[in-house]
Amino acid sequence: MKNISIAVIALCAFTFVGCDDEDYIVLPEPADKETPAVDGTEYTSGTADFSTFVSVGNSLTAGYSDGALFISGQESSFPNILAKQFALAGGGAFSQPLMNDNLGGLLLGGNQIMGNRFYLKFDPVNGVGPVRLSGTPTTEVSTILSGPFNNMGVPGAKSYHLGFSGYGNIAGVGTYANPYYVRMATSPGATVMGDVMAQSPSFFSLWIGNNDVLSYATSGGDGTDQKGNYDPATYGGNDITDPVVFKNVYGGLLQTLTSGGAKGVVATIPNVTTIPYFTTVPYNAIPLDAATAGVLNQAFAPYNGGLQLMVSNMLLSQEEADRRMISFAKGKNPVLMLDEDLTDLTAYNSGLTNMRQATETDLLVLPSKNFIGTLVGGNAQYINGVSVPLGDMWVLTPEEQEKVNIAQLSYNETIKDLAGQYGLAVFDAASLLTELIETGITQNGITTTGVFATGGGFSLDGVHPSPRGYAIMANGMIEAINTSYQSNLPKVNVGNYKGVYIQ
């Protein structure tokens, strides 16, 4: 990557602002309210049988939130919430592979391999913001738990991982195995689906496929769209799963889960590009005074001139040159970024890298908030997002968003079609999350939105729901189950679940 060297930039004139102050106003938690009892109501399961409920999925099923898996979050997982309601209509015991503490980190051989959870911290100097809890976690991956477990949500799992033998082998952690599954697997060669079916579920939930596209998005598109590649063994961790592969895998999962006569509920995949992880950091996060803007414009003049030279030599269209022109002004400015979809001009001039300034159609990932404005090697001439373009991992471009959205829509079509074939309830998580983000959802007198840190619907990692968000998801599932199986399960009171953890 070619950096632009700036002779002088007064750092005192440059203060990075990732989000407006109002993004971190903390709303008070509502007082707990018990779900009112309905005298004389007899809850029934209808045509379903909740006696042995097993929930299958990834982090969304496990109860992951605030960037970690921890006891309090697991207790507020949507399957655990559902199980309590199922108990009113013949549901049996529900067990989860609980972590050892509420820090959320993971140890492997005494070394920490997963970070602790976030919490909202009040700091008189830096203001309010999410930070990782300090402390050493006590959950050791090599301490294998004794199951079986009704919550078979494995954080990080993609659809095709559920049938992979060795996914719970501790020897493969860091390569092909999953540390969360290692803790709960019945053997090193077990499969998630094998452990699920050993319990002979009478009812199941399946929410899988999010990670088949999410990891590509959260990495800023730093992966490959594997459309046309039908061998998931060749996929990288941040790749988008081919829709045909997803359809075949998902069909196999439903065939297995229903083989013993079980009924269940499946969930669609939300539009991940609308979650707070992508909508919190503004594209124009660079505040400058007039003097600093002038210095930057002078420094980028050769780059802009080089683009026009490429146009005159018919090596670049004027439209693309205009898109790539770098210009700063007093006030808020767009961040500087690399874009792999731009024409590669470095063969003609090594200084003409694939960079441009972001537009409102670009989505900056949440961690970029703490990276933009930092110095490269402590050198004040090289400022990330200003004089040095952000790499691919920090921004999801419109072209990359389109790949994500195409895959997500295809997965959801598969989920709905196959659910119809197997006569299963469908929870349209995609529509509910859209409602949460666009208009907010009011339940039990509480309005929950998708605004980061204050809306109450998402946890502090910007991806996973908060406990209250999971309660809203559980209510959506209950509604779908009641409709499909003529049960009359009551919904939960979302006021009993936290919107954000504050310490």
Protein backbone atom coordinates (compact mmCIF):
# COMPACT_ATOMS: atom_id res chain seq x y z
CA MET A 1 0.00 0.00 0.00
CA LYS A 2 1.34 3.41 -0.97
CA ASN A 3 0.96 6.02 1.77
CA ILE A 4 0.63 9.76 1.18
CA SER A 5 3.28 11.62 3.14
CA ILE A 6 2.21 14.92 4.67
CA ALA A 7 4.92 17.29 5.72
CA VAL A 8 3.05 18.90 8.58
CA ILE A 9 -0.26 18.09 10.23
CA ALA A 10 -1.13 19.77 13.48
CA LEU A 11 -2.51 16.88 15.49
CA CYS A 12 -4.08 19.27 17.94
CA ALA A 13 -6.42 20.28 15.13
CA PHE A 14 -7.40 16.68 14.46
CA THR A 15 -9.73 15.00 16.92
CA PHE A 16 -11.43 11.83 15.75
CA VAL A 17 -15.15 11.70 16.32
CA GLY A 18 -16.57 8.26 15.60
CA CYS A 19 -20.12 8.84 16.81
CA ASP A 20 -22.14 11.77 18.04
CA ASP A 21 -22.44 12.11 21.80
CA GLU A 22 -26.08 11.18 21.79
CA ASP A 23 -25.16 7.68 20.63
CA TYR A 24 -24.13 6.89 24.18
CA ILE A 25 -26.96 8.37 26.24
CA VAL A 26 -27.99 5.60 28.61
CA LEU A 27 -31.68 4.97 29.01
CA PRO A 28 -32.86 3.83 32.44
CA GLU A 29 -33.84 0.21 32.82
CA PRO A 30 -37.56 -0.27 33.35
CA ALA A 31 -38.66 -1.86 36.58
CA ASP A 32 -39.20 -5.59 36.35
CA LYS A 33 -42.77 -6.58 35.73
CA GLU A 34 -44.10 -10.05 36.22
CA THR A 35 -46.07 -11.56 33.36
CA PRO A 36 -49.67 -11.25 34.52
CA ALA A 37 -51.34 -14.57 35.19
CA VAL A 38 -54.50 -15.37 33.30
CA ASP A 39 -56.87 -17.09 35.73
CA GLY A 40 -58.28 -20.29 34.43
CA THR A 41 -56.09 -20.41 31.32
CA GLU A 42 -55.01 -23.90 30.36
CA TYR A 43 -51.96 -23.78 28.13
CA THR A 44 -51.75 -26.48 25.48
CA SER A 45 -49.16 -27.55 22.95
CA GLY A 46 -51.72 -28.05 20.21
CA THR A 47 -50.36 -30.48 17.63
CA ALA A 48 -46.78 -30.02 18.88
CA ASP A 49 -44.97 -32.00 21.57
CA PHE A 50 -42.63 -29.88 23.70
CA SER A 51 -41.51 -32.69 26.02
CA THR A 52 -37.97 -32.84 24.58
CA PHE A 53 -37.02 -29.51 23.08
CA VAL A 54 -33.60 -29.19 21.41
CA SER A 55 -32.42 -25.91 19.89
CA VAL A 56 -29.91 -25.98 17.03
CA GLY A 57 -27.90 -23.06 15.69
CA ASN A 58 -25.01 -20.71 16.23
CA SER A 59 -24.26 -17.78 18.54
CA LEU A 60 -27.80 -16.43 18.20
CA THR A 61 -29.08 -19.69 19.66
CA ALA A 62 -26.39 -19.94 22.33
CA GLY A 63 -27.32 -16.56 23.84
CA TYR A 64 -24.11 -14.82 22.78
CA SER A 65 -24.16 -11.06 23.39
CA ASP A 66 -21.80 -8.18 24.17
CA GLY A 67 -19.03 -9.94 22.26
CA ALA A 68 -18.95 -13.07 24.40
CA LEU A 69 -20.80 -16.04 25.81
CA PHE A 70 -21.45 -15.81 29.56
CA ILE A 71 -23.88 -17.18 32.12
CA SER A 72 -26.30 -14.23 32.29
CA GLY A 73 -26.49 -14.06 28.51
CA GLN A 74 -27.10 -17.80 28.24
CA GLU A 75 -29.89 -17.59 30.78
CA SER A 76 -31.53 -15.01 28.50
CA SER A 77 -31.03 -17.03 25.31
CA PHE A 78 -34.18 -17.34 23.24
CA PRO A 79 -34.22 -21.16 23.59
CA ASN A 80 -34.10 -20.88 27.38
CA ILE A 81 -36.92 -18.32 27.24
CA LEU A 82 -38.94 -20.62 24.97
CA ALA A 83 -38.32 -23.63 27.22
CA LYS A 84 -39.88 -21.81 30.18
CA GLN A 85 -43.00 -21.14 28.14
CA PHE A 86 -43.02 -24.69 26.78
CA ALA A 87 -43.01 -25.94 30.39
CA LEU A 88 -46.51 -24.49 30.70
CA ALA A 89 -47.70 -26.93 28.05
CA GLY A 90 -45.86 -30.17 28.72
CA GLY A 91 -42.30 -29.06 28.08
CA GLY A 92 -39.54 -30.90 29.92
CA ALA A 93 -36.23 -29.87 31.47
CA PHE A 94 -33.90 -27.70 29.42
CA SER A 95 -30.12 -27.80 29.93
CA GLN A 96 -27.43 -25.49 28.57
CA PRO A 97 -23.61 -25.80 28.41
CA LEU A 98 -23.13 -22.88 30.78
CA MET A 99 -19.89 -20.97 30.97
CA ASN A 100 -18.16 -20.79 34.36
CA ASP A 101 -18.59 -17.06 34.90
CA ASN A 102 -19.98 -13.78 33.62
CA LEU A 103 -16.67 -12.55 32.18
CA GLY A 104 -17.25 -14.54 29.03
CA GLY A 105 -13.67 -15.25 27.98
CA LEU A 106 -12.32 -18.69 27.10
CA LEU A 107 -9.09 -20.37 28.19
CA LEU A 108 -7.25 -23.13 26.36
CA GLY A 109 -4.50 -24.69 28.42
CA GLY A 110 -4.65 -21.66 30.70
CA ASN A 111 -4.14 -19.19 27.83
CA GLN A 112 -7.01 -16.84 26.96
CA ILE A 113 -8.24 -17.40 23.40
CA MET A 114 -11.55 -15.48 23.50
CA GLY A 115 -12.09 -12.00 24.88
CA ASN A 116 -14.21 -11.00 27.84
CA ARG A 117 -17.60 -9.40 27.30
CA PHE A 118 -18.30 -5.70 26.78
CA TYR A 119 -20.08 -3.47 29.26
CA LEU A 120 -21.08 0.18 29.15
CA LYS A 121 -18.56 2.23 31.13
CA PHE A 122 -18.86 5.79 32.33
CA ASP A 123 -15.53 7.57 32.06
CA PRO A 124 -15.16 11.27 33.06
CA VAL A 125 -12.39 11.71 30.47
CA ASN A 126 -13.48 9.56 27.52
CA GLY A 127 -17.23 9.71 28.06
CA VAL A 128 -19.50 6.68 27.84
CA GLY A 129 -18.61 3.70 25.72
CA PRO A 130 -18.36 -0.08 25.54
CA VAL A 131 -15.19 -1.62 26.96
CA ARG A 132 -14.09 -5.16 27.72
CA LEU A 133 -14.43 -6.36 31.30
CA SER A 134 -11.09 -6.87 32.97
CA GLY A 135 -10.22 -10.07 34.75
CA THR A 136 -9.16 -13.61 33.99
CA PRO A 137 -11.96 -15.92 32.84
CA THR A 138 -12.39 -19.32 34.43
CA THR A 139 -13.93 -21.27 31.55
CA GLU A 140 -11.35 -23.79 30.32
CA VAL A 141 -12.07 -25.40 26.94
CA SER A 142 -10.32 -28.64 27.89
CA THR A 143 -12.76 -29.17 30.76
CA ILE A 144 -15.36 -31.18 28.89
CA LEU A 145 -18.91 -30.87 30.16
CA SER A 146 -21.25 -33.78 30.71
CA GLY A 147 -24.41 -33.50 28.64
CA PRO A 148 -26.70 -33.94 26.93
CA PHE A 149 -27.58 -30.32 26.28
CA ASN A 150 -30.85 -29.04 24.93
CA ASN A 151 -29.25 -25.81 23.76
CA MET A 152 -27.00 -26.88 20.90
CA GLY A 153 -26.15 -23.39 19.73
CA VAL A 154 -22.47 -23.17 18.78
CA PRO A 155 -21.06 -19.65 18.37
CA GLY A 156 -19.29 -19.30 15.03
CA ALA A 157 -20.96 -22.31 13.39
CA LYS A 158 -21.93 -22.14 9.74
CA SER A 159 -24.60 -24.37 8.24
CA TYR A 160 -22.18 -27.02 6.98
CA HIS A 161 -20.33 -27.18 10.31
CA LEU A 162 -23.26 -28.90 12.01
CA GLY A 163 -22.50 -32.21 10.28
CA PHE A 164 -18.71 -31.96 10.43
CA SER A 165 -17.01 -34.78 12.36
CA GLY A 166 -14.12 -33.37 14.37
CA TYR A 167 -15.74 -29.98 14.95
CA GLY A 168 -15.49 -30.80 18.67
CA ASN A 169 -11.92 -32.12 18.64
CA ILE A 170 -9.75 -30.06 20.98
CA ALA A 171 -6.70 -30.89 18.85
CA GLY A 172 -8.24 -28.88 16.04
CA VAL A 173 -8.96 -25.66 17.94
CA GLY A 174 -7.45 -22.82 15.96
CA THR A 175 -7.89 -24.65 12.66
CA TYR A 176 -10.95 -26.82 11.99
CA ALA A 177 -12.58 -27.24 15.42
CA ASN A 178 -14.79 -24.94 17.47
CA PRO A 179 -13.82 -24.37 21.14
CA TYR A 180 -17.44 -23.86 22.19
CA TYR A 181 -18.45 -27.19 20.73
CA VAL A 182 -15.36 -28.88 22.18
CA ARG A 183 -16.74 -28.16 25.67
CA MET A 184 -20.06 -29.90 24.92
CA ALA A 185 -19.26 -32.57 22.31
CA THR A 186 -19.87 -36.17 23.34
CA SER A 187 -16.57 -37.18 21.73
CA PRO A 188 -13.76 -35.62 19.63
CA GLY A 189 -15.28 -37.15 16.50
CA ALA A 190 -18.87 -36.22 17.28
CA THR A 191 -21.05 -33.99 15.13
CA VAL A 192 -23.46 -31.33 16.35
CA MET A 193 -26.35 -33.05 14.57
CA GLY A 194 -25.36 -36.43 15.95
CA ASP A 195 -25.45 -35.07 19.50
CA VAL A 196 -28.78 -33.40 18.76
CA MET A 197 -30.44 -36.52 17.43
CA ALA A 198 -29.11 -38.70 20.26
CA GLN A 199 -31.64 -36.84 22.42
CA SER A 200 -34.59 -37.87 20.21
CA PRO A 201 -36.07 -34.37 20.12
CA SER A 202 -39.85 -34.06 20.00
CA PHE A 203 -39.59 -30.38 19.08
CA PHE A 204 -36.71 -28.31 17.74
CA SER A 205 -35.72 -24.83 16.70
CA LEU A 206 -33.26 -24.24 13.88
CA TRP A 207 -31.66 -20.86 13.30
CA ILE A 208 -28.60 -21.35 11.13
CA GLY A 209 -27.08 -19.59 8.12
CA ASN A 210 -26.30 -16.20 9.61
CA ASN A 211 -22.58 -16.93 9.74
CA ASP A 212 -22.61 -18.23 6.18
CA VAL A 213 -22.78 -14.58 5.13
CA LEU A 214 -22.16 -12.58 8.32
CA SER A 215 -18.44 -13.32 8.62
CA TYR A 216 -17.88 -11.95 5.12
CA ALA A 217 -19.74 -8.78 6.05
CA THR A 218 -18.12 -8.19 9.46
CA SER A 219 -14.69 -8.63 7.89
CA GLY A 220 -15.50 -5.75 5.56
CA GLY A 221 -15.79 -8.12 2.62
CA ASP A 222 -12.31 -9.50 3.28
CA GLY A 223 -13.31 -12.89 1.94
CA THR A 224 -14.64 -14.56 -1.20
CA ASP A 225 -18.14 -15.04 -2.53
CA GLN A 226 -18.03 -18.78 -3.19
CA LYS A 227 -21.01 -18.82 -5.55
CA GLY A 228 -20.39 -21.68 -7.95
CA ASN A 229 -18.02 -23.50 -5.60
CA TYR A 230 -19.84 -26.52 -4.19
CA ASP A 231 -17.04 -27.76 -1.92
CA PRO A 232 -17.22 -26.04 1.50
CA ALA A 233 -14.01 -27.83 2.51
CA THR A 234 -12.22 -25.27 0.33
CA TYR A 235 -13.92 -22.23 1.89
CA GLY A 236 -12.13 -19.67 4.02
CA GLY A 237 -13.51 -18.46 7.33
CA ASN A 238 -14.83 -15.18 5.87
CA ASP A 239 -16.31 -16.60 2.68
CA ILE A 240 -19.96 -16.52 1.60
CA THR A 241 -21.47 -19.99 1.31
CA ASP A 242 -22.73 -20.91 -2.14
CA PRO A 243 -26.58 -20.86 -2.16
CA VAL A 244 -26.74 -24.36 -3.67
CA VAL A 245 -24.51 -25.69 -0.90
CA PHE A 246 -26.68 -23.95 1.68
CA LYS A 247 -29.85 -25.42 0.17
CA ASN A 248 -28.45 -28.95 0.17
CA VAL A 249 -27.11 -28.65 3.71
CA TYR A 250 -30.28 -27.06 5.07
CA GLY A 251 -32.45 -29.70 3.44
CA GLY A 252 -30.32 -32.40 5.03
CA LEU A 253 -30.65 -30.75 8.44
CA LEU A 254 -34.44 -30.66 8.24
CA GLN A 255 -34.62 -34.23 6.96
CA THR A 256 -32.58 -35.37 9.95
CA LEU A 257 -34.39 -33.27 12.54
CA THR A 258 -37.84 -34.44 11.42
CA SER A 259 -36.84 -38.10 10.89
CA GLY A 260 -38.28 -39.11 14.26
CA GLY A 261 -41.52 -37.21 13.76
CA ALA A 262 -40.43 -34.02 15.52
CA LYS A 263 -42.02 -30.72 14.71
CA GLY A 264 -40.21 -27.42 15.01
CA VAL A 265 -39.70 -23.79 14.19
CA VAL A 266 -37.09 -22.37 11.81
CA ALA A 267 -35.91 -18.78 11.51
CA THR A 268 -34.91 -16.68 8.53
CA ILE A 269 -31.65 -14.74 8.19
CA PRO A 270 -31.75 -11.00 9.00
CA ASN A 271 -30.34 -8.38 6.66
CA VAL A 272 -26.98 -8.10 8.37
CA THR A 273 -26.01 -4.84 6.65
CA THR A 274 -28.64 -2.96 8.66
CA ILE A 275 -27.43 -3.95 12.15
CA PRO A 276 -25.59 -1.44 14.40
CA TYR A 277 -22.24 -3.04 13.56
CA PHE A 278 -22.53 -1.34 10.15
CA THR A 279 -24.61 1.73 10.89
CA THR A 280 -22.96 3.31 13.94
CA VAL A 281 -19.71 4.77 12.60
CA PRO A 282 -20.42 7.60 10.10
CA TYR A 283 -18.68 7.66 6.75
CA ASN A 284 -17.64 11.29 7.34
CA ALA A 285 -15.85 10.71 10.64
CA ILE A 286 -12.92 13.08 10.02
CA PRO A 287 -13.31 16.57 11.55
CA LEU A 288 -10.76 19.08 10.19
CA ASP A 289 -10.04 22.77 10.43
CA ALA A 290 -9.40 24.78 7.26
CA ALA A 291 -5.62 24.80 7.66
CA THR A 292 -5.30 21.03 8.04
CA ALA A 293 -7.68 20.46 5.13
CA GLY A 294 -5.47 22.68 2.99
CA VAL A 295 -2.34 20.71 3.88
CA LEU A 296 -4.07 17.47 2.99
CA ASN A 297 -5.32 18.80 -0.35
CA GLN A 298 -1.82 19.88 -1.25
CA ALA A 299 -0.48 16.44 -0.37
CA PHE A 300 -3.06 14.67 -2.53
CA ALA A 301 -2.71 17.00 -5.53
CA PRO A 302 -0.25 14.65 -7.32
CA TYR A 303 -2.69 11.75 -6.88
CA ASN A 304 -5.57 13.73 -8.34
CA GLY A 305 -3.38 14.92 -11.21
CA GLY A 306 -2.30 11.36 -11.91
CA LEU A 307 -5.91 10.28 -12.23
CA GLN A 308 -6.59 12.95 -14.83
CA LEU A 309 -3.50 11.85 -16.73
CA MET A 310 -4.93 8.31 -16.84
CA VAL A 311 -8.18 9.73 -18.23
CA SER A 312 -6.36 11.67 -20.96
CA ASN A 313 -4.53 8.47 -21.93
CA MET A 314 -7.87 6.61 -22.05
CA LEU A 315 -6.84 4.28 -19.25
CA LEU A 316 -9.57 5.44 -16.88
CA SER A 317 -13.07 6.83 -17.35
CA GLN A 318 -13.80 10.35 -16.22
CA GLU A 319 -16.65 8.98 -14.11
CA GLU A 320 -14.30 6.75 -12.11
CA ALA A 321 -11.69 9.50 -11.87
CA ASP A 322 -14.30 11.82 -10.36
CA ARG A 323 -15.22 9.10 -7.86
CA ARG A 324 -11.57 8.73 -6.84
CA MET A 325 -10.63 12.40 -6.51
CA ILE A 326 -9.50 13.25 -2.97
CA SER A 327 -10.71 16.52 -1.47
CA PHE A 328 -10.85 17.76 2.14
CA ALA A 329 -12.64 20.79 3.58
CA LYS A 330 -13.29 22.43 6.93
CA GLY A 331 -15.77 20.37 8.97
CA LYS A 332 -16.58 16.67 8.78
CA ASN A 333 -14.83 14.79 5.99
CA PRO A 334 -15.24 11.29 4.53
CA VAL A 335 -12.62 8.72 5.54
CA LEU A 336 -10.02 7.63 3.02
CA MET A 337 -10.33 3.97 2.04
CA LEU A 338 -9.13 1.30 -0.37
CA ASP A 339 -11.62 -0.15 -2.83
CA GLU A 340 -10.64 -3.37 -4.61
CA ASP A 341 -13.36 -2.84 -7.22
CA LEU A 342 -11.61 0.26 -8.62
CA THR A 343 -9.43 -0.01 -11.71
CA ASP A 344 -5.90 -1.06 -10.78
CA LEU A 345 -3.58 1.68 -12.09
CA THR A 346 -0.45 0.76 -10.17
CA ALA A 347 1.14 -0.84 -13.24
CA TYR A 348 1.27 2.67 -14.73
CA ASN A 349 2.01 4.59 -11.55
CA SER A 350 2.67 2.90 -8.20
CA GLY A 351 1.29 5.94 -6.40
CA LEU A 352 -2.17 5.55 -7.96
CA THR A 353 -3.48 2.99 -5.50
CA ASN A 354 -7.11 1.89 -5.45
CA MET A 355 -8.21 4.53 -2.96
CA ARG A 356 -11.08 6.95 -2.69
CA GLN A 357 -13.04 8.74 -0.01
CA ALA A 358 -16.06 7.00 1.47
CA THR A 359 -19.60 7.97 0.59
CA GLU A 360 -22.84 7.52 2.51
CA THR A 361 -23.37 4.23 0.68
CA ASP A 362 -20.28 2.70 2.30
CA LEU A 363 -20.64 0.95 5.66
CA LEU A 364 -17.83 1.28 8.18
CA VAL A 365 -17.59 -1.60 10.64
CA LEU A 366 -17.99 -0.82 14.33
CA PRO A 367 -14.35 -1.50 15.35
CA SER A 368 -13.20 1.17 12.89
CA LYS A 369 -14.34 3.75 15.44
CA ASN A 370 -11.23 3.07 17.50
CA PHE A 371 -8.90 2.75 14.50
CA ILE A 372 -9.67 5.80 12.39
CA GLY A 373 -7.33 8.61 13.33
CA THR A 374 -4.62 6.41 14.83
CA LEU A 375 -1.02 6.84 13.70
CA VAL A 376 0.92 4.32 11.66
CA GLY A 377 4.08 3.49 13.55
CA GLY A 378 3.66 6.58 15.71
CA ASN A 379 4.38 8.80 12.69
CA ALA A 380 2.19 11.93 12.63
CA GLN A 381 2.45 12.03 8.83
CA TYR A 382 0.57 8.77 8.47
CA ILE A 383 -2.94 8.82 9.90
CA ASN A 384 -5.31 5.92 9.30
CA GLY A 385 -8.38 7.00 7.37
CA VAL A 386 -6.87 10.42 6.60
CA SER A 387 -3.49 10.20 4.90
CA VAL A 388 -3.40 6.39 4.90
CA PRO A 389 -6.44 4.63 3.38
CA LEU A 390 -8.38 2.15 5.47
CA GLY A 391 -7.89 -1.44 4.37
CA ASP A 392 -10.59 -3.75 3.06
CA MET A 393 -11.47 -5.10 6.51
CA TRP A 394 -12.79 -1.75 7.76
CA VAL A 395 -15.39 -0.91 5.11
CA LEU A 396 -18.17 -2.82 3.39
CA THR A 397 -18.60 -1.25 -0.04
CA PRO A 398 -21.87 -1.20 -2.05
CA GLU A 399 -20.55 -3.98 -4.29
CA GLU A 400 -19.78 -6.13 -1.25
CA GLN A 401 -23.14 -5.30 0.31
CA GLU A 402 -24.84 -6.54 -2.83
CA LYS A 403 -23.10 -9.92 -2.54
CA VAL A 404 -24.26 -10.18 1.07
CA ASN A 405 -27.84 -9.26 0.26
CA ILE A 406 -28.10 -11.65 -2.70
CA ALA A 407 -26.91 -14.55 -0.55
CA GLN A 408 -29.18 -13.63 2.36
CA LEU A 409 -32.25 -13.44 0.13
CA SER A 410 -31.39 -16.78 -1.45
CA TYR A 411 -30.92 -18.44 1.95
CA ASN A 412 -34.27 -17.13 3.14
CA GLU A 413 -36.05 -18.42 0.06
CA THR A 414 -34.54 -21.83 0.79
CA ILE A 415 -35.54 -21.70 4.46
CA LYS A 416 -39.15 -20.80 3.71
CA ASP A 417 -39.53 -23.28 0.85
CA LEU A 418 -38.08 -26.21 2.80
CA ALA A 419 -40.02 -25.31 5.95
CA GLY A 420 -43.18 -25.47 3.84
CA GLN A 421 -42.22 -28.89 2.51
CA TYR A 422 -41.71 -30.23 6.02
CA GLY A 423 -44.73 -28.47 7.54
CA LEU A 424 -42.71 -26.42 10.02
CA ALA A 425 -43.37 -23.08 11.69
CA VAL A 426 -41.40 -20.17 10.24
CA PHE A 427 -40.22 -17.26 12.35
CA ASP A 428 -39.44 -14.41 9.97
CA ALA A 429 -36.52 -12.96 11.91
CA ALA A 430 -35.55 -10.87 8.89
CA SER A 431 -38.83 -8.96 8.95
CA LEU A 432 -38.86 -8.55 12.73
CA LEU A 433 -35.30 -7.20 12.81
CA THR A 434 -36.18 -4.80 10.00
CA GLU A 435 -39.12 -3.54 12.06
CA LEU A 436 -36.90 -3.20 15.14
CA ILE A 437 -34.37 -1.13 13.22
CA GLU A 438 -36.69 0.99 11.09
CA THR A 439 -39.55 1.79 13.46
CA GLY A 440 -38.86 0.12 16.80
CA ILE A 441 -41.01 -2.49 18.51
CA THR A 442 -43.29 -1.77 21.46
CA GLN A 443 -44.14 -4.63 23.78
CA ASN A 444 -45.34 -4.46 27.40
CA GLY A 445 -45.26 -0.67 27.16
CA ILE A 446 -41.56 -0.60 26.28
CA THR A 447 -40.30 0.62 22.91
CA THR A 448 -37.13 -1.12 21.79
CA THR A 449 -35.07 0.06 18.81
CA GLY A 450 -31.92 -0.93 16.97
CA VAL A 451 -29.88 2.15 17.95
CA PHE A 452 -26.46 1.10 19.20
CA ALA A 453 -26.06 1.14 23.01
CA THR A 454 -29.28 3.00 23.70
CA GLY A 455 -32.06 1.30 21.74
CA GLY A 456 -32.18 -1.78 23.95
CA GLY A 457 -32.47 -4.26 21.08
CA PHE A 458 -28.82 -5.00 20.38
CA SER A 459 -25.95 -5.79 22.68
CA LEU A 460 -22.70 -3.84 22.75
CA ASP A 461 -21.03 -5.91 20.04
CA GLY A 462 -23.45 -4.38 17.52
CA VAL A 463 -24.33 -7.79 16.06
CA HIS A 464 -26.13 -9.90 18.64
CA PRO A 465 -29.37 -9.02 20.42
CA SER A 466 -29.44 -7.92 24.02
CA PRO A 467 -31.40 -10.05 26.52
CA ARG A 468 -34.41 -7.87 25.71
CA GLY A 469 -33.76 -8.37 22.01
CA TYR A 470 -33.70 -12.14 22.52
CA ALA A 471 -36.99 -11.89 24.44
CA ILE A 472 -38.52 -10.09 21.45
CA MET A 473 -37.19 -12.84 19.18
CA ALA A 474 -38.67 -15.49 21.48
CA ASN A 475 -42.05 -13.76 21.32
CA GLY A 476 -41.86 -13.82 17.54
CA MET A 477 -41.16 -17.54 17.63
CA ILE A 478 -44.02 -18.15 20.06
CA GLU A 479 -46.38 -16.37 17.70
CA ALA A 480 -45.21 -18.52 14.77
CA ILE A 481 -45.49 -21.72 16.84
CA ASN A 482 -48.99 -20.89 18.08
CA THR A 483 -50.13 -20.16 14.52
CA SER A 484 -48.66 -23.33 13.02
CA TYR A 485 -49.47 -25.83 15.77
CA GLN A 486 -52.62 -24.37 17.37
CA SER A 487 -50.87 -24.00 20.72
CA ASN A 488 -51.67 -21.09 23.01
CA LEU A 489 -48.33 -20.34 24.64
CA PRO A 490 -48.15 -16.93 26.33
CA LYS A 491 -45.54 -14.42 25.29
CA VAL A 492 -42.95 -13.19 27.79
CA ASN A 493 -42.78 -9.72 29.30
CA VAL A 494 -39.80 -8.01 27.68
CA GLY A 495 -39.57 -5.68 30.69
CA ASN A 496 -38.00 -8.54 32.61
CA TYR A 497 -34.94 -8.52 30.33
CA LYS A 498 -32.09 -6.04 30.19
CA GLY A 499 -31.44 -3.78 27.25
CA VAL A 500 -27.80 -3.10 28.14
CA TYR A 501 -25.35 -4.11 30.86
CA ILE A 502 -24.00 -1.13 32.78
CA GLN A 503 -21.16 -1.21 35.30
